[in-house]
N, C-alpha and C. Protein backbone atom coordinates (compact mmCIF):
# COMPACT_ATOMS: atom_id res chain seq x y z
N MET A 1 0.85 -1.17 0.00
CA MET A 1 0.00 0.00 0.00
C MET A 1 0.90 1.23 0.00
N GLU A 2 0.64 2.10 -0.97
CA GLU A 2 1.50 3.27 -1.11
C GLU A 2 0.68 4.54 -0.87
N TYR A 3 1.22 5.40 -0.07
CA TYR A 3 0.55 6.67 0.23
C TYR A 3 1.10 7.70 -0.74
N LYS A 4 0.31 8.05 -1.78
CA LYS A 4 0.79 8.90 -2.86
C LYS A 4 0.72 10.39 -2.55
N HIS A 5 -0.26 10.74 -1.80
CA HIS A 5 -0.51 12.17 -1.57
C HIS A 5 0.03 12.59 -0.21
N ASN A 6 0.86 13.59 -0.21
CA ASN A 6 1.37 14.13 1.04
C ASN A 6 0.79 15.53 1.19
N PRO A 7 -0.34 15.65 1.89
CA PRO A 7 -1.00 16.96 1.95
C PRO A 7 -0.18 17.97 2.74
N PRO A 8 -0.26 19.24 2.35
CA PRO A 8 0.46 20.26 3.10
C PRO A 8 -0.15 20.43 4.49
N THR A 9 0.68 20.84 5.40
CA THR A 9 0.18 21.10 6.75
C THR A 9 -0.58 22.42 6.74
N LEU A 10 -1.27 22.67 7.84
CA LEU A 10 -2.01 23.92 7.96
C LEU A 10 -1.07 25.12 7.90
N VAL A 11 0.08 24.99 8.50
CA VAL A 11 1.08 26.08 8.47
C VAL A 11 1.52 26.34 7.03
N GLU A 12 1.74 25.25 6.27
CA GLU A 12 2.14 25.41 4.87
C GLU A 12 1.03 26.06 4.05
N LEU A 13 -0.21 25.66 4.32
CA LEU A 13 -1.34 26.27 3.60
C LEU A 13 -1.44 27.76 3.89
N ARG A 14 -1.26 28.11 5.15
CA ARG A 14 -1.34 29.53 5.52
C ARG A 14 -0.20 30.33 4.91
N ALA A 15 0.96 29.69 4.77
CA ALA A 15 2.11 30.38 4.20
C ALA A 15 2.04 30.45 2.67
N TYR A 16 1.17 29.61 2.09
CA TYR A 16 1.06 29.55 0.63
C TYR A 16 0.72 30.90 0.04
N ARG A 17 -0.17 31.60 0.66
CA ARG A 17 -0.58 32.90 0.15
C ARG A 17 -0.58 33.89 1.30
N LYS A 18 -0.18 35.10 0.98
CA LYS A 18 -0.14 36.13 2.02
C LYS A 18 -1.53 36.31 2.62
N PRO A 19 -1.61 36.73 3.86
CA PRO A 19 -2.92 36.93 4.48
C PRO A 19 -3.70 38.01 3.74
N VAL A 20 -4.99 37.81 3.68
CA VAL A 20 -5.85 38.76 2.98
C VAL A 20 -5.95 40.03 3.81
N THR A 21 -5.70 41.14 3.16
CA THR A 21 -5.81 42.43 3.85
C THR A 21 -7.09 43.12 3.42
N HIS A 22 -7.52 44.03 4.20
CA HIS A 22 -8.72 44.81 3.88
C HIS A 22 -8.28 46.08 3.17
N SER A 23 -7.79 45.90 1.93
CA SER A 23 -7.27 47.05 1.18
C SER A 23 -8.37 48.05 0.86
N HIS A 24 -9.61 47.56 0.73
CA HIS A 24 -10.71 48.49 0.45
C HIS A 24 -10.94 49.42 1.64
N MET A 25 -10.70 48.92 2.86
CA MET A 25 -10.84 49.79 4.03
C MET A 25 -9.73 50.84 4.05
N ALA A 26 -8.53 50.43 3.68
CA ALA A 26 -7.42 51.38 3.61
C ALA A 26 -7.68 52.43 2.54
N ALA A 27 -8.26 52.00 1.42
CA ALA A 27 -8.57 52.95 0.34
C ALA A 27 -9.61 53.96 0.81
N ARG A 28 -10.62 53.47 1.53
CA ARG A 28 -11.65 54.39 2.02
C ARG A 28 -11.08 55.34 3.07
N ALA A 29 -10.18 54.84 3.91
CA ALA A 29 -9.58 55.69 4.94
C ALA A 29 -8.67 56.75 4.33
N ALA A 30 -8.17 56.48 3.12
CA ALA A 30 -7.26 57.43 2.46
C ALA A 30 -8.00 58.56 1.75
N PHE A 31 -9.34 58.52 1.76
CA PHE A 31 -10.10 59.60 1.12
C PHE A 31 -9.81 60.92 1.81
N SER A 32 -9.73 61.98 1.02
CA SER A 32 -9.56 63.32 1.59
C SER A 32 -10.90 63.75 2.20
N PRO A 33 -10.90 64.80 3.01
CA PRO A 33 -12.17 65.28 3.58
C PRO A 33 -13.20 65.63 2.51
N LEU A 34 -12.77 66.22 1.41
CA LEU A 34 -13.72 66.55 0.34
C LEU A 34 -14.26 65.29 -0.33
N GLU A 35 -13.42 64.28 -0.47
CA GLU A 35 -13.89 63.03 -1.05
C GLU A 35 -14.89 62.34 -0.12
N ARG A 36 -14.62 62.35 1.18
CA ARG A 36 -15.58 61.78 2.13
C ARG A 36 -16.90 62.55 2.08
N PHE A 37 -16.82 63.88 1.95
CA PHE A 37 -18.02 64.71 1.83
C PHE A 37 -18.81 64.31 0.58
N ALA A 38 -18.11 64.11 -0.54
CA ALA A 38 -18.79 63.72 -1.78
C ALA A 38 -19.47 62.36 -1.63
N VAL A 39 -18.82 61.43 -0.95
CA VAL A 39 -19.42 60.10 -0.74
C VAL A 39 -20.65 60.22 0.16
N LYS A 40 -20.57 61.04 1.21
CA LYS A 40 -21.73 61.23 2.09
C LYS A 40 -22.90 61.85 1.33
N ILE A 41 -22.61 62.84 0.49
CA ILE A 41 -23.67 63.46 -0.32
C ILE A 41 -24.27 62.43 -1.26
N THR A 42 -23.43 61.63 -1.90
CA THR A 42 -23.92 60.60 -2.81
C THR A 42 -24.83 59.62 -2.09
N HIS A 43 -24.43 59.20 -0.89
CA HIS A 43 -25.27 58.28 -0.12
C HIS A 43 -26.56 58.96 0.32
N GLY A 44 -26.48 60.22 0.73
CA GLY A 44 -27.67 60.93 1.19
C GLY A 44 -28.66 61.21 0.08
N VAL A 45 -28.15 61.62 -1.08
CA VAL A 45 -29.03 61.95 -2.21
C VAL A 45 -29.65 60.68 -2.79
N GLY A 46 -28.99 59.57 -2.64
CA GLY A 46 -29.50 58.32 -3.19
C GLY A 46 -30.48 57.59 -2.30
N THR A 47 -31.16 58.29 -1.43
CA THR A 47 -32.12 57.65 -0.53
C THR A 47 -33.55 58.01 -0.90
N ILE A 48 -34.48 57.20 -0.47
CA ILE A 48 -35.89 57.48 -0.71
C ILE A 48 -36.32 58.70 0.10
N GLY A 49 -35.67 58.93 1.22
CA GLY A 49 -35.99 60.11 2.03
C GLY A 49 -35.70 61.39 1.29
N PHE A 50 -34.56 61.46 0.61
CA PHE A 50 -34.22 62.66 -0.16
C PHE A 50 -35.18 62.83 -1.33
N PHE A 51 -35.50 61.72 -1.99
CA PHE A 51 -36.47 61.78 -3.09
C PHE A 51 -37.81 62.29 -2.58
N SER A 52 -38.26 61.78 -1.45
CA SER A 52 -39.54 62.23 -0.88
C SER A 52 -39.49 63.71 -0.53
N LEU A 53 -38.37 64.16 0.03
CA LEU A 53 -38.21 65.57 0.35
C LEU A 53 -38.33 66.44 -0.90
N LEU A 54 -37.70 66.04 -1.98
CA LEU A 54 -37.79 66.80 -3.23
C LEU A 54 -39.20 66.80 -3.79
N VAL A 55 -39.87 65.67 -3.72
CA VAL A 55 -41.25 65.60 -4.22
C VAL A 55 -42.15 66.50 -3.39
N LEU A 56 -42.03 66.44 -2.06
CA LEU A 56 -42.85 67.30 -1.20
C LEU A 56 -42.55 68.78 -1.44
N TRP A 57 -41.28 69.12 -1.57
CA TRP A 57 -40.90 70.51 -1.82
C TRP A 57 -41.48 71.00 -3.15
N THR A 58 -41.38 70.18 -4.20
CA THR A 58 -41.89 70.56 -5.51
C THR A 58 -43.41 70.68 -5.51
N VAL A 59 -44.08 69.69 -4.96
CA VAL A 59 -45.55 69.72 -4.92
C VAL A 59 -46.02 70.89 -4.07
N GLY A 60 -45.38 71.10 -2.91
CA GLY A 60 -45.77 72.24 -2.07
C GLY A 60 -45.56 73.57 -2.77
N TRP A 61 -44.42 73.72 -3.40
CA TRP A 61 -44.11 74.96 -4.14
C TRP A 61 -45.14 75.22 -5.22
N LEU A 62 -45.40 74.20 -6.05
CA LEU A 62 -46.33 74.37 -7.16
C LEU A 62 -47.75 74.61 -6.67
N LEU A 63 -48.20 73.85 -5.68
CA LEU A 63 -49.56 74.04 -5.16
C LEU A 63 -49.72 75.42 -4.53
N TRP A 64 -48.73 75.86 -3.77
CA TRP A 64 -48.82 77.18 -3.13
C TRP A 64 -48.93 78.28 -4.18
N ASN A 65 -48.13 78.18 -5.21
CA ASN A 65 -48.13 79.22 -6.23
C ASN A 65 -49.27 79.10 -7.22
N LEU A 66 -49.99 78.00 -7.19
CA LEU A 66 -51.19 77.86 -8.01
C LEU A 66 -52.45 78.23 -7.24
N PHE A 67 -52.54 77.79 -5.99
CA PHE A 67 -53.79 77.93 -5.24
C PHE A 67 -53.69 78.79 -3.99
N GLY A 68 -52.52 79.27 -3.65
CA GLY A 68 -52.36 80.11 -2.46
C GLY A 68 -53.00 81.48 -2.67
N PRO A 69 -53.09 82.27 -1.58
CA PRO A 69 -53.64 83.62 -1.71
C PRO A 69 -52.82 84.42 -2.73
N LEU A 70 -53.51 85.17 -3.57
CA LEU A 70 -52.85 85.90 -4.66
C LEU A 70 -51.71 86.79 -4.17
N GLU A 71 -51.93 87.50 -3.07
CA GLU A 71 -50.91 88.42 -2.59
C GLU A 71 -49.69 87.70 -1.99
N MET A 72 -49.82 86.39 -1.70
CA MET A 72 -48.70 85.64 -1.10
C MET A 72 -47.98 84.73 -2.10
N ARG A 73 -48.46 84.67 -3.32
CA ARG A 73 -47.78 83.86 -4.34
C ARG A 73 -46.50 84.58 -4.75
N PHE A 74 -45.41 83.86 -4.79
CA PHE A 74 -44.12 84.48 -5.09
C PHE A 74 -43.50 84.00 -6.40
N ASP A 75 -44.09 82.98 -7.02
CA ASP A 75 -43.55 82.44 -8.28
C ASP A 75 -44.73 82.18 -9.22
N PRO A 76 -45.01 83.14 -10.11
CA PRO A 76 -46.24 83.07 -10.91
C PRO A 76 -46.27 81.85 -11.84
N ALA A 77 -47.46 81.22 -11.87
CA ALA A 77 -47.71 80.10 -12.78
C ALA A 77 -47.92 80.67 -14.18
N PRO A 78 -47.73 79.97 -15.23
CA PRO A 78 -47.28 78.60 -15.36
C PRO A 78 -45.76 78.48 -15.50
N ALA A 79 -45.04 79.59 -15.50
CA ALA A 79 -43.60 79.54 -15.75
C ALA A 79 -42.82 79.00 -14.56
N PHE A 80 -43.19 79.39 -13.35
CA PHE A 80 -42.47 78.98 -12.13
C PHE A 80 -40.96 79.20 -12.29
N VAL A 81 -40.59 80.40 -12.67
CA VAL A 81 -39.20 80.74 -12.98
C VAL A 81 -38.30 80.56 -11.76
N ILE A 82 -38.74 81.00 -10.61
CA ILE A 82 -37.90 80.89 -9.40
C ILE A 82 -37.69 79.41 -9.05
N TRP A 83 -38.76 78.63 -9.18
CA TRP A 83 -38.65 77.19 -8.89
C TRP A 83 -37.66 76.53 -9.85
N LEU A 84 -37.75 76.85 -11.15
CA LEU A 84 -36.83 76.29 -12.13
C LEU A 84 -35.39 76.71 -11.84
N PHE A 85 -35.19 77.99 -11.51
CA PHE A 85 -33.85 78.49 -11.21
C PHE A 85 -33.28 77.78 -9.99
N THR A 86 -34.08 77.67 -8.94
CA THR A 86 -33.64 77.02 -7.70
C THR A 86 -33.32 75.54 -7.96
N SER A 87 -34.19 74.87 -8.69
CA SER A 87 -33.96 73.45 -9.00
C SER A 87 -32.69 73.27 -9.81
N ASN A 88 -32.46 74.14 -10.76
CA ASN A 88 -31.25 74.04 -11.58
C ASN A 88 -29.99 74.28 -10.76
N ILE A 89 -30.03 75.23 -9.84
CA ILE A 89 -28.87 75.48 -8.98
C ILE A 89 -28.58 74.25 -8.12
N ILE A 90 -29.63 73.66 -7.56
CA ILE A 90 -29.45 72.44 -6.75
C ILE A 90 -28.82 71.34 -7.60
N GLN A 91 -29.31 71.17 -8.83
CA GLN A 91 -28.76 70.15 -9.71
C GLN A 91 -27.30 70.44 -10.06
N LEU A 92 -26.99 71.70 -10.34
CA LEU A 92 -25.61 72.05 -10.69
C LEU A 92 -24.64 71.78 -9.55
N VAL A 93 -25.12 71.92 -8.33
CA VAL A 93 -24.25 71.66 -7.17
C VAL A 93 -24.15 70.16 -6.89
N LEU A 94 -25.29 69.47 -6.95
CA LEU A 94 -25.31 68.06 -6.56
C LEU A 94 -24.71 67.11 -7.60
N LEU A 95 -24.95 67.37 -8.87
CA LEU A 95 -24.51 66.41 -9.89
C LEU A 95 -23.00 66.18 -9.89
N PRO A 96 -22.16 67.21 -9.86
CA PRO A 96 -20.72 66.91 -9.80
C PRO A 96 -20.32 66.16 -8.52
N LEU A 97 -20.94 66.52 -7.40
CA LEU A 97 -20.63 65.81 -6.15
C LEU A 97 -21.02 64.34 -6.25
N ILE A 98 -22.17 64.08 -6.85
CA ILE A 98 -22.63 62.69 -7.00
C ILE A 98 -21.68 61.93 -7.92
N MET A 99 -21.24 62.56 -8.99
CA MET A 99 -20.32 61.89 -9.92
C MET A 99 -18.99 61.57 -9.23
N VAL A 100 -18.47 62.50 -8.46
CA VAL A 100 -17.22 62.26 -7.72
C VAL A 100 -17.43 61.11 -6.73
N GLY A 101 -18.55 61.16 -6.00
CA GLY A 101 -18.85 60.11 -5.03
C GLY A 101 -18.97 58.74 -5.69
N GLN A 102 -19.60 58.69 -6.86
CA GLN A 102 -19.73 57.41 -7.56
C GLN A 102 -18.38 56.90 -8.05
N ASN A 103 -17.53 57.80 -8.51
CA ASN A 103 -16.18 57.39 -8.92
C ASN A 103 -15.41 56.81 -7.74
N LEU A 104 -15.52 57.46 -6.59
CA LEU A 104 -14.83 56.97 -5.39
C LEU A 104 -15.39 55.62 -4.95
N GLU A 105 -16.70 55.48 -5.01
CA GLU A 105 -17.32 54.20 -4.66
C GLU A 105 -16.88 53.11 -5.64
N GLY A 106 -16.69 53.48 -6.91
CA GLY A 106 -16.19 52.53 -7.90
C GLY A 106 -14.79 52.04 -7.55
N LYS A 107 -13.92 52.95 -7.14
CA LYS A 107 -12.57 52.56 -6.73
C LYS A 107 -12.63 51.65 -5.51
N PHE A 108 -13.51 52.00 -4.58
CA PHE A 108 -13.69 51.20 -3.37
C PHE A 108 -14.16 49.79 -3.75
N ALA A 109 -15.09 49.71 -4.69
CA ALA A 109 -15.61 48.41 -5.13
C ALA A 109 -14.53 47.58 -5.81
N GLU A 110 -13.63 48.24 -6.56
CA GLU A 110 -12.54 47.51 -7.20
C GLU A 110 -11.60 46.89 -6.16
N HIS A 111 -11.30 47.63 -5.12
CA HIS A 111 -10.45 47.09 -4.05
C HIS A 111 -11.13 45.90 -3.37
N ARG A 112 -12.43 46.04 -3.13
CA ARG A 112 -13.18 44.96 -2.50
C ARG A 112 -13.22 43.73 -3.40
N ALA A 113 -13.40 43.94 -4.71
CA ALA A 113 -13.43 42.82 -5.65
C ALA A 113 -12.08 42.12 -5.70
N GLN A 114 -11.00 42.88 -5.63
CA GLN A 114 -9.66 42.27 -5.63
C GLN A 114 -9.47 41.40 -4.39
N ALA A 115 -9.92 41.91 -3.24
CA ALA A 115 -9.82 41.12 -2.00
C ALA A 115 -10.65 39.85 -2.11
N ASP A 116 -11.85 39.94 -2.69
CA ASP A 116 -12.69 38.75 -2.88
C ASP A 116 -11.99 37.75 -3.80
N PHE A 117 -11.37 38.25 -4.86
CA PHE A 117 -10.66 37.38 -5.80
C PHE A 117 -9.54 36.63 -5.09
N GLU A 118 -8.78 37.33 -4.26
CA GLU A 118 -7.67 36.68 -3.54
C GLU A 118 -8.19 35.61 -2.59
N ILE A 119 -9.29 35.90 -1.91
CA ILE A 119 -9.90 34.92 -1.01
C ILE A 119 -10.36 33.70 -1.80
N ASN A 120 -10.98 33.93 -2.95
CA ASN A 120 -11.47 32.82 -3.77
C ASN A 120 -10.32 31.97 -4.29
N GLN A 121 -9.22 32.61 -4.68
CA GLN A 121 -8.05 31.84 -5.13
C GLN A 121 -7.51 30.96 -4.01
N LYS A 122 -7.42 31.52 -2.83
CA LYS A 122 -6.92 30.76 -1.68
C LYS A 122 -7.85 29.58 -1.37
N ALA A 123 -9.16 29.84 -1.40
CA ALA A 123 -10.12 28.78 -1.13
C ALA A 123 -10.04 27.69 -2.20
N GLU A 124 -9.87 28.09 -3.45
CA GLU A 124 -9.77 27.11 -4.53
C GLU A 124 -8.55 26.21 -4.33
N HIS A 125 -7.44 26.79 -3.95
CA HIS A 125 -6.23 25.99 -3.70
C HIS A 125 -6.47 25.01 -2.55
N GLU A 126 -7.09 25.49 -1.49
CA GLU A 126 -7.34 24.62 -0.34
C GLU A 126 -8.30 23.49 -0.71
N VAL A 127 -9.30 23.79 -1.54
CA VAL A 127 -10.24 22.75 -1.98
C VAL A 127 -9.52 21.71 -2.83
N GLU A 128 -8.62 22.17 -3.70
CA GLU A 128 -7.84 21.22 -4.51
C GLU A 128 -7.02 20.29 -3.62
N VAL A 129 -6.42 20.83 -2.58
CA VAL A 129 -5.63 20.01 -1.65
C VAL A 129 -6.54 18.98 -0.97
N ILE A 130 -7.71 19.42 -0.54
CA ILE A 130 -8.64 18.51 0.14
C ILE A 130 -9.11 17.41 -0.81
N ILE A 131 -9.44 17.78 -2.06
CA ILE A 131 -9.90 16.78 -3.03
C ILE A 131 -8.79 15.77 -3.33
N ALA A 132 -7.57 16.26 -3.50
CA ALA A 132 -6.45 15.33 -3.76
C ALA A 132 -6.28 14.38 -2.58
N HIS A 133 -6.41 14.89 -1.38
CA HIS A 133 -6.28 14.05 -0.19
C HIS A 133 -7.41 13.01 -0.13
N LEU A 134 -8.63 13.43 -0.45
CA LEU A 134 -9.76 12.50 -0.44
C LEU A 134 -9.61 11.43 -1.52
N GLU A 135 -9.13 11.83 -2.70
CA GLU A 135 -8.91 10.84 -3.76
C GLU A 135 -7.88 9.80 -3.32
N ASN A 136 -6.84 10.26 -2.68
CA ASN A 136 -5.82 9.33 -2.19
C ASN A 136 -6.40 8.40 -1.13
N GLN A 137 -7.21 8.94 -0.24
CA GLN A 137 -7.83 8.10 0.78
C GLN A 137 -8.77 7.08 0.15
N SER A 138 -9.48 7.49 -0.91
CA SER A 138 -10.36 6.55 -1.61
C SER A 138 -9.56 5.40 -2.21
N GLU A 139 -8.43 5.73 -2.83
CA GLU A 139 -7.57 4.68 -3.40
C GLU A 139 -7.07 3.74 -2.31
N LEU A 140 -6.68 4.30 -1.18
CA LEU A 140 -6.20 3.46 -0.07
C LEU A 140 -7.31 2.56 0.45
N LEU A 141 -8.52 3.09 0.55
CA LEU A 141 -9.65 2.27 1.01
C LEU A 141 -9.95 1.14 0.03
N VAL A 142 -9.88 1.43 -1.26
CA VAL A 142 -10.11 0.39 -2.26
C VAL A 142 -9.05 -0.70 -2.13
N GLU A 143 -7.79 -0.30 -1.94
CA GLU A 143 -6.71 -1.28 -1.73
C GLU A 143 -6.97 -2.12 -0.49
N LEU A 144 -7.39 -1.48 0.60
CA LEU A 144 -7.68 -2.22 1.84
C LEU A 144 -8.82 -3.21 1.63
N ILE A 145 -9.85 -2.80 0.91
CA ILE A 145 -10.99 -3.69 0.66
C ILE A 145 -10.53 -4.89 -0.16
N ARG A 146 -9.69 -4.66 -1.16
CA ARG A 146 -9.17 -5.77 -1.97
C ARG A 146 -8.35 -6.73 -1.13
N LYS A 147 -7.53 -6.19 -0.24
CA LYS A 147 -6.71 -7.06 0.62
C LYS A 147 -7.60 -7.87 1.55
N ILE A 148 -8.65 -7.25 2.07
CA ILE A 148 -9.57 -7.97 2.97
C ILE A 148 -10.30 -9.05 2.21
N ASP A 149 -10.72 -8.75 0.97
CA ASP A 149 -11.45 -9.73 0.16
C ASP A 149 -10.57 -10.92 -0.22
N ARG A 150 -9.26 -10.72 -0.37
CA ARG A 150 -8.34 -11.80 -0.73
C ARG A 150 -8.19 -12.81 0.40
N LYS A 151 -8.32 -12.36 1.62
CA LYS A 151 -8.12 -13.25 2.77
C LYS A 151 -9.29 -14.11 3.02
């Protein structure tokens, strides 16, 4: 009976590949204050709460200027020039911040994907070692069964 497979020890397996680091966390920690601000704005603007706030603000503005007391209307219908100007200013400020935040989140996602890839490679190697060991054990068991059957 020959033992063909010599599986690596746990220490050897751990030494096979460097330990996985959280490089995505380091990348996020390296953001400048303005980059962190852009990411916070991107996360805040991308919520249903912000969407609801904009819908309420728009509906309130339009309803007030359509049906409010004449002397208190400040943005005449149907043009709503002040509303359009204000909305455009908000868009001009938010859109570049959102784009910067999305770019930063993309970089963060790339670091996270790289870490996942390294973990998957390590797991694949360990699974190959386990399968090779099991195949060898199966061969040894078959040999043992044959020897028992001969007697």
